[in-house]
Amino acid sequence: MAAYLASNSSVVISGTVENQGRFYNRFEAVVLLSAPVEVLIERVSTRTSNPYGNVETEQSVIRQQVLDVEPLLRQGATLELDGRRPLSELADAVERLMESAGHVR
């Protein structure tokens, strides 16, 4: 990851890993995409591309992770976007963020 970030000045990365805070200083912005836990549960339980979240034990893990991890993610974020917004609006918000940093013209 360090080598990739060093060689790319304009990049958007999506995901969550345990050590992500180590890389925050290399980004101009850190965006948290959030949604209420019940929205998250509804989404994982109805998707067809991945079975994770279909059973109650997995949904309980998701609920606990939202309680434990989301506050930590929020502390490191420079911007929080509501994941209930349409995908096109979210993409536009990220593009505006990149434009303001001089990465998109």
PDB file of N, CA and C in Angstrom:
ATOM      1  N   MET A   1       0.829  -1.183   0.000  1.00  0.00           N
ATOM      2  CA  MET A   1       0.000   0.000   0.000  1.00  0.00           C
ATOM      3  C   MET A   1       0.876   1.249   0.000  1.00  0.00           C
ATOM      4  N   ALA A   2       1.897   1.253   0.803  1.00  0.00           N
ATOM      5  CA  ALA A   2       2.767   2.432   0.877  1.00  0.00           C
ATOM      6  C   ALA A   2       3.383   2.743  -0.484  1.00  0.00           C
ATOM      7  N   ALA A   3       3.858   1.724  -1.184  1.00  0.00           N
ATOM      8  CA  ALA A   3       4.468   1.931  -2.506  1.00  0.00           C
ATOM      9  C   ALA A   3       3.446   2.443  -3.501  1.00  0.00           C
ATOM     10  N   TYR A   4       2.248   1.893  -3.457  1.00  0.00           N
ATOM     11  CA  TYR A   4       1.192   2.338  -4.375  1.00  0.00           C
ATOM     12  C   TYR A   4       0.851   3.807  -4.131  1.00  0.00           C
ATOM     13  N   LEU A   5       0.669   4.162  -2.890  1.00  0.00           N
ATOM     14  CA  LEU A   5       0.328   5.548  -2.569  1.00  0.00           C
ATOM     15  C   LEU A   5       1.451   6.505  -2.940  1.00  0.00           C
ATOM     16  N   ALA A   6       2.683   6.063  -2.804  1.00  0.00           N
ATOM     17  CA  ALA A   6       3.829   6.905  -3.148  1.00  0.00           C
ATOM     18  C   ALA A   6       3.912   7.160  -4.643  1.00  0.00           C
ATOM     19  N   SER A   7       3.400   6.242  -5.441  1.00  0.00           N
ATOM     20  CA  SER A   7       3.513   6.386  -6.893  1.00  0.00           C
ATOM     21  C   SER A   7       2.251   6.923  -7.559  1.00  0.00           C
ATOM     22  N   ASN A   8       1.199   7.187  -6.803  1.00  0.00           N
ATOM     23  CA  ASN A   8      -0.059   7.679  -7.360  1.00  0.00           C
ATOM     24  C   ASN A   8      -0.526   8.893  -6.568  1.00  0.00           C
ATOM     25  N   SER A   9      -0.599  10.034  -7.236  1.00  0.00           N
ATOM     26  CA  SER A   9      -0.972  11.255  -6.525  1.00  0.00           C
ATOM     27  C   SER A   9      -2.478  11.492  -6.495  1.00  0.00           C
ATOM     28  N   SER A  10      -3.224  10.839  -7.357  1.00  0.00           N
ATOM     29  CA  SER A  10      -4.667  11.032  -7.414  1.00  0.00           C
ATOM     30  C   SER A  10      -5.341   9.669  -7.349  1.00  0.00           C
ATOM     31  N   VAL A  11      -5.806   9.315  -6.164  1.00  0.00           N
ATOM     32  CA  VAL A  11      -6.366   7.979  -5.975  1.00  0.00           C
ATOM     33  C   VAL A  11      -7.513   8.034  -4.959  1.00  0.00           C
ATOM     34  N   VAL A  12      -8.521   7.219  -5.212  1.00  0.00           N
ATOM     35  CA  VAL A  12      -9.618   7.021  -4.268  1.00  0.00           C
ATOM     36  C   VAL A  12      -9.581   5.548  -3.882  1.00  0.00           C
ATOM     37  N   ILE A  13      -9.537   5.286  -2.597  1.00  0.00           N
ATOM     38  CA  ILE A  13      -9.471   3.913  -2.097  1.00  0.00           C
ATOM     39  C   ILE A  13     -10.692   3.678  -1.230  1.00  0.00           C
ATOM     40  N   SER A  14     -11.290   2.519  -1.383  1.00  0.00           N
ATOM     41  CA  SER A  14     -12.469   2.166  -0.605  1.00  0.00           C
ATOM     42  C   SER A  14     -12.187   0.921   0.208  1.00  0.00           C
ATOM     43  N   GLY A  15     -12.637   0.915   1.433  1.00  0.00           N
ATOM     44  CA  GLY A  15     -12.487  -0.274   2.257  1.00  0.00           C
ATOM     45  C   GLY A  15     -12.134   0.082   3.684  1.00  0.00           C
ATOM     46  N   THR A  16     -12.084  -0.931   4.499  1.00  0.00           N
ATOM     47  CA  THR A  16     -11.740  -0.762   5.901  1.00  0.00           C
ATOM     48  C   THR A  16     -10.826  -1.907   6.304  1.00  0.00           C
ATOM     49  N   VAL A  17      -9.693  -1.549   6.862  1.00  0.00           N
ATOM     50  CA  VAL A  17      -8.774  -2.543   7.411  1.00  0.00           C
ATOM     51  C   VAL A  17      -8.300  -2.055   8.781  1.00  0.00           C
ATOM     52  N   GLU A  18      -7.842  -2.985   9.568  1.00  0.00           N
ATOM     53  CA  GLU A  18      -7.481  -2.686  10.951  1.00  0.00           C
ATOM     54  C   GLU A  18      -6.399  -1.612  11.074  1.00  0.00           C
ATOM     55  N   ASN A  19      -5.449  -1.568  10.145  1.00  0.00           N
ATOM     56  CA  ASN A  19      -4.330  -0.630  10.260  1.00  0.00           C
ATOM     57  C   ASN A  19      -4.467   0.607   9.376  1.00  0.00           C
ATOM     58  N   GLN A  20      -5.662   0.910   8.916  1.00  0.00           N
ATOM     59  CA  GLN A  20      -5.827   2.006   7.962  1.00  0.00           C
ATOM     60  C   GLN A  20      -5.383   3.354   8.508  1.00  0.00           C
ATOM     61  N   GLY A  21      -5.458   3.556   9.787  1.00  0.00           N
ATOM     62  CA  GLY A  21      -5.036   4.827  10.373  1.00  0.00           C
ATOM     63  C   GLY A  21      -3.584   5.165  10.094  1.00  0.00           C
ATOM     64  N   ARG A  22      -2.764   4.159   9.874  1.00  0.00           N
ATOM     65  CA  ARG A  22      -1.348   4.386   9.547  1.00  0.00           C
ATOM     66  C   ARG A  22      -1.175   5.154   8.245  1.00  0.00           C
ATOM     67  N   PHE A  23      -2.175   5.103   7.379  1.00  0.00           N
ATOM     68  CA  PHE A  23      -2.065   5.718   6.060  1.00  0.00           C
ATOM     69  C   PHE A  23      -2.796   7.051   5.956  1.00  0.00           C
ATOM     70  N   TYR A  24      -3.528   7.449   6.954  1.00  0.00           N
ATOM     71  CA  TYR A  24      -4.341   8.673   6.873  1.00  0.00           C
ATOM     72  C   TYR A  24      -3.509   9.902   6.512  1.00  0.00           C
ATOM     73  N   ASN A  25      -2.284   9.979   7.005  1.00  0.00           N
ATOM     74  CA  ASN A  25      -1.474  11.177   6.739  1.00  0.00           C
ATOM     75  C   ASN A  25      -1.074  11.294   5.272  1.00  0.00           C
ATOM     76  N   ARG A  26      -1.318  10.275   4.489  1.00  0.00           N
ATOM     77  CA  ARG A  26      -0.983  10.309   3.063  1.00  0.00           C
ATOM     78  C   ARG A  26      -2.157  10.749   2.200  1.00  0.00           C
ATOM     79  N   PHE A  27      -3.294  10.995   2.821  1.00  0.00           N
ATOM     80  CA  PHE A  27      -4.504  11.387   2.097  1.00  0.00           C
ATOM     81  C   PHE A  27      -4.894  12.813   2.448  1.00  0.00           C
ATOM     82  N   GLU A  28      -5.423  13.502   1.474  1.00  0.00           N
ATOM     83  CA  GLU A  28      -5.942  14.839   1.730  1.00  0.00           C
ATOM     84  C   GLU A  28      -7.301  14.783   2.404  1.00  0.00           C
ATOM     85  N   ALA A  29      -8.012  13.681   2.217  1.00  0.00           N
ATOM     86  CA  ALA A  29      -9.325  13.512   2.830  1.00  0.00           C
ATOM     87  C   ALA A  29      -9.551  12.045   3.149  1.00  0.00           C
ATOM     88  N   VAL A  30     -10.290  11.812   4.213  1.00  0.00           N
ATOM     89  CA  VAL A  30     -10.733  10.474   4.587  1.00  0.00           C
ATOM     90  C   VAL A  30     -12.242  10.566   4.752  1.00  0.00           C
ATOM     91  N   VAL A  31     -12.961   9.836   3.910  1.00  0.00           N
ATOM     92  CA  VAL A  31     -14.418   9.927   3.881  1.00  0.00           C
ATOM     93  C   VAL A  31     -15.019   8.693   4.543  1.00  0.00           C
ATOM     94  N   LEU A  32     -15.943   8.928   5.456  1.00  0.00           N
ATOM     95  CA  LEU A  32     -16.707   7.848   6.069  1.00  0.00           C
ATOM     96  C   LEU A  32     -18.066   7.797   5.390  1.00  0.00           C
ATOM     97  N   LEU A  33     -18.380   6.675   4.802  1.00  0.00           N
ATOM     98  CA  LEU A  33     -19.690   6.440   4.214  1.00  0.00           C
ATOM     99  C   LEU A  33     -20.489   5.670   5.251  1.00  0.00           C
ATOM    100  N   SER A  34     -21.510   6.287   5.807  1.00  0.00           N
ATOM    101  CA  SER A  34     -22.242   5.658   6.907  1.00  0.00           C
ATOM    102  C   SER A  34     -23.719   5.534   6.577  1.00  0.00           C
ATOM    103  N   ALA A  35     -24.363   4.632   7.289  1.00  0.00           N
ATOM    104  CA  ALA A  35     -25.813   4.430   7.195  1.00  0.00           C
ATOM    105  C   ALA A  35     -26.260   3.810   8.510  1.00  0.00           C
ATOM    106  N   PRO A  36     -27.516   4.007   8.872  1.00  0.00           N
ATOM    107  CA  PRO A  36     -28.025   3.375  10.093  1.00  0.00           C
ATOM    108  C   PRO A  36     -27.866   1.854  10.021  1.00  0.00           C
ATOM    109  N   VAL A  37     -27.637   1.247  11.161  1.00  0.00           N
ATOM    110  CA  VAL A  37     -27.354  -0.187  11.197  1.00  0.00           C
ATOM    111  C   VAL A  37     -28.484  -1.006  10.568  1.00  0.00           C
ATOM    112  N   GLU A  38     -29.710  -0.603  10.729  1.00  0.00           N
ATOM    113  CA  GLU A  38     -30.807  -1.375  10.138  1.00  0.00           C
ATOM    114  C   GLU A  38     -30.783  -1.308   8.614  1.00  0.00           C
ATOM    115  N   VAL A  39     -30.311  -0.202   8.062  1.00  0.00           N
ATOM    116  CA  VAL A  39     -30.137  -0.108   6.611  1.00  0.00           C
ATOM    117  C   VAL A  39     -29.032  -1.067   6.170  1.00  0.00           C
ATOM    118  N   LEU A  40     -27.948  -1.096   6.919  1.00  0.00           N
ATOM    119  CA  LEU A  40     -26.855  -2.017   6.598  1.00  0.00           C
ATOM    120  C   LEU A  40     -27.328  -3.476   6.637  1.00  0.00           C
ATOM    121  N   ILE A  41     -28.087  -3.821   7.668  1.00  0.00           N
ATOM    122  CA  ILE A  41     -28.589  -5.195   7.809  1.00  0.00           C
ATOM    123  C   ILE A  41     -29.514  -5.531   6.648  1.00  0.00           C
ATOM    124  N   GLU A  42     -30.386  -4.621   6.297  1.00  0.00           N
ATOM    125  CA  GLU A  42     -31.296  -4.846   5.162  1.00  0.00           C
ATOM    126  C   GLU A  42     -30.499  -5.076   3.879  1.00  0.00           C
ATOM    127  N   ARG A  43     -29.474  -4.280   3.670  1.00  0.00           N
ATOM    128  CA  ARG A  43     -28.669  -4.415   2.452  1.00  0.00           C
ATOM    129  C   ARG A  43     -27.932  -5.742   2.382  1.00  0.00           C
ATOM    130  N   VAL A  44     -27.287  -6.145   3.472  1.00  0.00           N
ATOM    131  CA  VAL A  44     -26.532  -7.399   3.413  1.00  0.00           C
ATOM    132  C   VAL A  44     -27.449  -8.610   3.355  1.00  0.00           C
ATOM    133  N   SER A  45     -28.622  -8.513   3.944  1.00  0.00           N
ATOM    134  CA  SER A  45     -29.515  -9.673   3.965  1.00  0.00           C
ATOM    135  C   SER A  45     -30.269  -9.860   2.655  1.00  0.00           C
ATOM    136  N   THR A  46     -30.280  -8.846   1.797  1.00  0.00           N
ATOM    137  CA  THR A  46     -31.013  -8.962   0.530  1.00  0.00           C
ATOM    138  C   THR A  46     -30.110  -9.024  -0.699  1.00  0.00           C
ATOM    139  N   ARG A  47     -28.820  -8.824  -0.536  1.00  0.00           N
ATOM    140  CA  ARG A  47     -27.947  -8.872  -1.709  1.00  0.00           C
ATOM    141  C   ARG A  47     -27.796 -10.313  -2.188  1.00  0.00           C
ATOM    142  N   THR A  48     -27.508 -10.447  -3.477  1.00  0.00           N
ATOM    143  CA  THR A  48     -27.382 -11.774  -4.072  1.00  0.00           C
ATOM    144  C   THR A  48     -25.940 -12.123  -4.409  1.00  0.00           C
ATOM    145  N   SER A  49     -25.040 -11.153  -4.307  1.00  0.00           N
ATOM    146  CA  SER A  49     -23.655 -11.382  -4.710  1.00  0.00           C
ATOM    147  C   SER A  49     -22.762 -11.928  -3.593  1.00  0.00           C
ATOM    148  N   ASN A  50     -23.259 -11.948  -2.353  1.00  0.00           N
ATOM    149  CA  ASN A  50     -22.452 -12.368  -1.223  1.00  0.00           C
ATOM    150  C   ASN A  50     -23.404 -12.845  -0.120  1.00  0.00           C
ATOM    151  N   PRO A  51     -23.250 -14.055   0.385  1.00  0.00           N
ATOM    152  CA  PRO A  51     -24.181 -14.560   1.396  1.00  0.00           C
ATOM    153  C   PRO A  51     -23.942 -14.010   2.807  1.00  0.00           C
ATOM    154  N   TYR A  52     -22.800 -13.335   3.029  1.00  0.00           N
ATOM    155  CA  TYR A  52     -22.518 -12.858   4.390  1.00  0.00           C
ATOM    156  C   TYR A  52     -23.601 -11.864   4.825  1.00  0.00           C
ATOM    157  N   GLY A  53     -24.131 -12.079   6.011  1.00  0.00           N
ATOM    158  CA  GLY A  53     -25.154 -11.216   6.574  1.00  0.00           C
ATOM    159  C   GLY A  53     -26.554 -11.790   6.486  1.00  0.00           C
ATOM    160  N   ASN A  54     -26.670 -12.981   5.915  1.00  0.00           N
ATOM    161  CA  ASN A  54     -27.994 -13.599   5.790  1.00  0.00           C
ATOM    162  C   ASN A  54     -28.480 -14.242   7.082  1.00  0.00           C
ATOM    163  N   VAL A  55     -27.564 -14.574   7.976  1.00  0.00           N
ATOM    164  CA  VAL A  55     -27.971 -15.245   9.217  1.00  0.00           C
ATOM    165  C   VAL A  55     -27.820 -14.296  10.403  1.00  0.00           C
ATOM    166  N   GLU A  56     -28.598 -14.550  11.423  1.00  0.00           N
ATOM    167  CA  GLU A  56     -28.653 -13.655  12.587  1.00  0.00           C
ATOM    168  C   GLU A  56     -27.309 -13.499  13.290  1.00  0.00           C
ATOM    169  N   THR A  57     -26.517 -14.568  13.367  1.00  0.00           N
ATOM    170  CA  THR A  57     -25.220 -14.449  14.044  1.00  0.00           C
ATOM    171  C   THR A  57     -24.322 -13.452  13.320  1.00  0.00           C
ATOM    172  N   GLU A  58     -24.337 -13.453  11.993  1.00  0.00           N
ATOM    173  CA  GLU A  58     -23.539 -12.491  11.224  1.00  0.00           C
ATOM    174  C   GLU A  58     -24.101 -11.079  11.378  1.00  0.00           C
ATOM    175  N   GLN A  59     -25.402 -10.971  11.434  1.00  0.00           N
ATOM    176  CA  GLN A  59     -26.019  -9.663  11.628  1.00  0.00           C
ATOM    177  C   GLN A  59     -25.686  -9.104  13.010  1.00  0.00           C
ATOM    178  N   SER A  60     -25.574  -9.974  14.000  1.00  0.00           N
ATOM    179  CA  SER A  60     -25.173  -9.534  15.342  1.00  0.00           C
ATOM    180  C   SER A  60     -23.744  -9.007  15.332  1.00  0.00           C
ATOM    181  N   VAL A  61     -22.872  -9.663  14.579  1.00  0.00           N
ATOM    182  CA  VAL A  61     -21.491  -9.187  14.447  1.00  0.00           C
ATOM    183  C   VAL A  61     -21.482  -7.806  13.796  1.00  0.00           C
ATOM    184  N   ILE A  62     -22.273  -7.624  12.754  1.00  0.00           N
ATOM    185  CA  ILE A  62     -22.355  -6.322  12.077  1.00  0.00           C
ATOM    186  C   ILE A  62     -22.831  -5.247  13.047  1.00  0.00           C
ATOM    187  N   ARG A  63     -23.870  -5.552  13.816  1.00  0.00           N
ATOM    188  CA  ARG A  63     -24.384  -4.572  14.791  1.00  0.00           C
ATOM    189  C   ARG A  63     -23.299  -4.184  15.803  1.00  0.00           C
ATOM    190  N   GLN A  64     -22.565  -5.166  16.280  1.00  0.00           N
ATOM    191  CA  GLN A  64     -21.515  -4.882  17.259  1.00  0.00           C
ATOM    192  C   GLN A  64     -20.380  -4.087  16.636  1.00  0.00           C
ATOM    193  N   GLN A  65     -20.016  -4.410  15.397  1.00  0.00           N
ATOM    194  CA  GLN A  65     -18.955  -3.662  14.721  1.00  0.00           C
ATOM    195  C   GLN A  65     -19.354  -2.206  14.505  1.00  0.00           C
ATOM    196  N   VAL A  66     -20.608  -1.970  14.198  1.00  0.00           N
ATOM    197  CA  VAL A  66     -21.067  -0.587  14.048  1.00  0.00           C
ATOM    198  C   VAL A  66     -20.907   0.154  15.372  1.00  0.00           C
ATOM    199  N   LEU A  67     -21.242  -0.498  16.466  1.00  0.00           N
ATOM    200  CA  LEU A  67     -21.098   0.137  17.785  1.00  0.00           C
ATOM    201  C   LEU A  67     -19.634   0.375  18.143  1.00  0.00           C
ATOM    202  N   ASP A  68     -18.781  -0.592  17.857  1.00  0.00           N
ATOM    203  CA  ASP A  68     -17.383  -0.530  18.283  1.00  0.00           C
ATOM    204  C   ASP A  68     -16.478   0.225  17.310  1.00  0.00           C
ATOM    205  N   VAL A  69     -16.678   0.015  16.028  1.00  0.00           N
ATOM    206  CA  VAL A  69     -15.728   0.504  15.026  1.00  0.00           C
ATOM    207  C   VAL A  69     -16.137   1.833  14.404  1.00  0.00           C
ATOM    208  N   GLU A  70     -17.431   2.012  14.154  1.00  0.00           N
ATOM    209  CA  GLU A  70     -17.841   3.250  13.481  1.00  0.00           C
ATOM    210  C   GLU A  70     -17.399   4.515  14.210  1.00  0.00           C
ATOM    211  N   PRO A  71     -17.478   4.583  15.541  1.00  0.00           N
ATOM    212  CA  PRO A  71     -16.984   5.796  16.219  1.00  0.00           C
ATOM    213  C   PRO A  71     -15.499   6.055  15.952  1.00  0.00           C
ATOM    214  N   LEU A  72     -14.708   5.001  15.864  1.00  0.00           N
ATOM    215  CA  LEU A  72     -13.283   5.162  15.566  1.00  0.00           C
ATOM    216  C   LEU A  72     -13.085   5.671  14.138  1.00  0.00           C
ATOM    217  N   LEU A  73     -13.851   5.137  13.212  1.00  0.00           N
ATOM    218  CA  LEU A  73     -13.779   5.595  11.823  1.00  0.00           C
ATOM    219  C   LEU A  73     -14.201   7.061  11.719  1.00  0.00           C
ATOM    220  N   ARG A  74     -15.221   7.419  12.465  1.00  0.00           N
ATOM    221  CA  ARG A  74     -15.724   8.797  12.444  1.00  0.00           C
ATOM    222  C   ARG A  74     -14.651   9.767  12.960  1.00  0.00           C
ATOM    223  N   GLN A  75     -13.885   9.360  13.968  1.00  0.00           N
ATOM    224  CA  GLN A  75     -12.820  10.213  14.510  1.00  0.00           C
ATOM    225  C   GLN A  75     -11.756  10.515  13.480  1.00  0.00           C
ATOM    226  N   GLY A  76     -11.455   9.550  12.621  1.00  0.00           N
ATOM    227  CA  GLY A  76     -10.410   9.738  11.625  1.00  0.00           C
ATOM    228  C   GLY A  76     -10.888  10.362  10.325  1.00  0.00           C
ATOM    229  N   ALA A  77     -12.189  10.481  10.171  1.00  0.00           N
ATOM    230  CA  ALA A  77     -12.745  10.995   8.919  1.00  0.00           C
ATOM    231  C   ALA A  77     -12.677  12.517   8.854  1.00  0.00           C
ATOM    232  N   THR A  78     -12.446  13.011   7.657  1.00  0.00           N
ATOM    233  CA  THR A  78     -12.516  14.455   7.434  1.00  0.00           C
ATOM    234  C   THR A  78     -13.865  14.851   6.838  1.00  0.00           C
ATOM    235  N   LEU A  79     -14.620  13.856   6.380  1.00  0.00           N
ATOM    236  CA  LEU A  79     -15.945  14.086   5.804  1.00  0.00           C
ATOM    237  C   LEU A  79     -16.765  12.826   5.998  1.00  0.00           C
ATOM    238  N   GLU A  80     -18.024  12.996   6.359  1.00  0.00           N
ATOM    239  CA  GLU A  80     -18.933  11.863   6.467  1.00  0.00           C
ATOM    240  C   GLU A  80     -20.068  12.053   5.475  1.00  0.00           C
ATOM    241  N   LEU A  81     -20.339  11.009   4.688  1.00  0.00           N
ATOM    242  CA  LEU A  81     -21.427  11.037   3.721  1.00  0.00           C
ATOM    243  C   LEU A  81     -22.483  10.026   4.123  1.00  0.00           C
ATOM    244  N   ASP A  82     -23.726  10.377   3.913  1.00  0.00           N
ATOM    245  CA  ASP A  82     -24.855   9.507   4.242  1.00  0.00           C
ATOM    246  C   ASP A  82     -25.019   8.463   3.142  1.00  0.00           C
ATOM    247  N   GLY A  83     -24.752   7.204   3.463  1.00  0.00           N
ATOM    248  CA  GLY A  83     -24.812   6.116   2.501  1.00  0.00           C
ATOM    249  C   GLY A  83     -26.205   5.806   1.995  1.00  0.00           C
ATOM    250  N   ARG A  84     -27.215   6.479   2.513  1.00  0.00           N
ATOM    251  CA  ARG A  84     -28.570   6.301   1.980  1.00  0.00           C
ATOM    252  C   ARG A  84     -28.809   7.162   0.749  1.00  0.00           C
ATOM    253  N   ARG A  85     -27.900   8.093   0.505  1.00  0.00           N
ATOM    254  CA  ARG A  85     -28.039   8.947  -0.680  1.00  0.00           C
ATOM    255  C   ARG A  85     -27.828   8.121  -1.937  1.00  0.00           C
ATOM    256  N   PRO A  86     -28.403   8.545  -3.051  1.00  0.00           N
ATOM    257  CA  PRO A  86     -28.196   7.814  -4.312  1.00  0.00           C
ATOM    258  C   PRO A  86     -26.714   7.745  -4.674  1.00  0.00           C
ATOM    259  N   LEU A  87     -26.326   6.650  -5.292  1.00  0.00           N
ATOM    260  CA  LEU A  87     -24.940   6.426  -5.658  1.00  0.00           C
ATOM    261  C   LEU A  87     -24.376   7.583  -6.487  1.00  0.00           C
ATOM    262  N   SER A  88     -25.163   8.110  -7.400  1.00  0.00           N
ATOM    263  CA  SER A  88     -24.677   9.218  -8.239  1.00  0.00           C
ATOM    264  C   SER A  88     -24.337  10.448  -7.395  1.00  0.00           C
ATOM    265  N   GLU A  89     -25.122  10.717  -6.363  1.00  0.00           N
ATOM    266  CA  GLU A  89     -24.840  11.859  -5.481  1.00  0.00           C
ATOM    267  C   GLU A  89     -23.556  11.621  -4.684  1.00  0.00           C
ATOM    268  N   LEU A  90     -23.356  10.396  -4.223  1.00  0.00           N
ATOM    269  CA  LEU A  90     -22.148  10.075  -3.469  1.00  0.00           C
ATOM    270  C   LEU A  90     -20.912  10.212  -4.354  1.00  0.00           C
ATOM    271  N   ALA A  91     -21.017   9.704  -5.576  1.00  0.00           N
ATOM    272  CA  ALA A  91     -19.891   9.823  -6.515  1.00  0.00           C
ATOM    273  C   ALA A  91     -19.607  11.285  -6.824  1.00  0.00           C
ATOM    274  N   ASP A  92     -20.648  12.084  -6.995  1.00  0.00           N
ATOM    275  CA  ASP A  92     -20.461  13.516  -7.255  1.00  0.00           C
ATOM    276  C   ASP A  92     -19.774  14.199  -6.070  1.00  0.00           C
ATOM    277  N   ALA A  93     -20.142  13.825  -4.855  1.00  0.00           N
ATOM    278  CA  ALA A  93     -19.528  14.422  -3.666  1.00  0.00           C
ATOM    279  C   ALA A  93     -18.040  14.087  -3.602  1.00  0.00           C
ATOM    280  N   VAL A  94     -17.678  12.850  -3.927  1.00  0.00           N
ATOM    281  CA  VAL A  94     -16.263  12.463  -3.933  1.00  0.00           C
ATOM    282  C   VAL A  94     -15.528  13.202  -5.049  1.00  0.00           C
ATOM    283  N   GLU A  95     -16.164  13.322  -6.199  1.00  0.00           N
ATOM    284  CA  GLU A  95     -15.534  14.053  -7.306  1.00  0.00           C
ATOM    285  C   GLU A  95     -15.306  15.525  -6.929  1.00  0.00           C
ATOM    286  N   ARG A  96     -16.278  16.150  -6.278  1.00  0.00           N
ATOM    287  CA  ARG A  96     -16.103  17.543  -5.836  1.00  0.00           C
ATOM    288  C   ARG A  96     -14.955  17.656  -4.841  1.00  0.00           C
ATOM    289  N   LEU A  97     -14.818  16.678  -3.978  1.00  0.00           N
ATOM    290  CA  LEU A  97     -13.729  16.658  -3.006  1.00  0.00           C
ATOM    291  C   LEU A  97     -12.387  16.573  -3.730  1.00  0.00           C
ATOM    292  N   MET A  98     -12.313  15.744  -4.739  1.00  0.00           N
ATOM    293  CA  MET A  98     -11.085  15.624  -5.510  1.00  0.00           C
ATOM    294  C   MET A  98     -10.800  16.901  -6.300  1.00  0.00           C
ATOM    295  N   GLU A  99     -11.848  17.523  -6.851  1.00  0.00           N
ATOM    296  CA  GLU A  99     -11.671  18.784  -7.570  1.00  0.00           C
ATOM    297  C   GLU A  99     -11.131  19.872  -6.651  1.00  0.00           C
ATOM    298  N   SER A 100     -11.663  19.914  -5.439  1.00  0.00           N
ATOM    299  CA  SER A 100     -11.208  20.955  -4.490  1.00  0.00           C
ATOM    300  C   SER A 100      -9.751  20.742  -4.095  1.00  0.00           C
ATOM    301  N   ALA A 101      -9.276  19.509  -4.212  1.00  0.00           N
ATOM    302  CA  ALA A 101      -7.869  19.216  -3.902  1.00  0.00           C
ATOM    303  C   ALA A 101      -6.992  19.342  -5.147  1.00  0.00           C
ATOM    304  N   GLY A 102      -7.613  19.690  -6.278  1.00  0.00           N
ATOM    305  CA  GLY A 102      -6.854  19.878  -7.513  1.00  0.00           C
ATOM    306  C   GLY A 102      -6.509  18.608  -8.253  1.00  0.00           C
ATOM    307  N   HIS A 103      -7.283  17.527  -8.018  1.00  0.00           N
ATOM    308  CA  HIS A 103      -6.980  16.252  -8.660  1.00  0.00           C
ATOM    309  C   HIS A 103      -7.864  15.934  -9.848  1.00  0.00           C
ATOM    310  N   VAL A 104      -8.930  16.691 -10.069  1.00  0.00           N
ATOM    311  CA  VAL A 104      -9.827  16.447 -11.189  1.00  0.00           C
ATOM    312  C   VAL A 104     -10.098  17.766 -11.877  1.00  0.00           C
ATOM    313  N   ARG A 105     -10.087  17.741 -13.213  1.00  0.00           N
ATOM    314  CA  ARG A 105     -10.381  18.978 -13.953  1.00  0.00           C
ATOM    315  C   ARG A 105     -11.445  18.739 -14.959  1.00  0.00           C
TER     316      ARG A 105
END
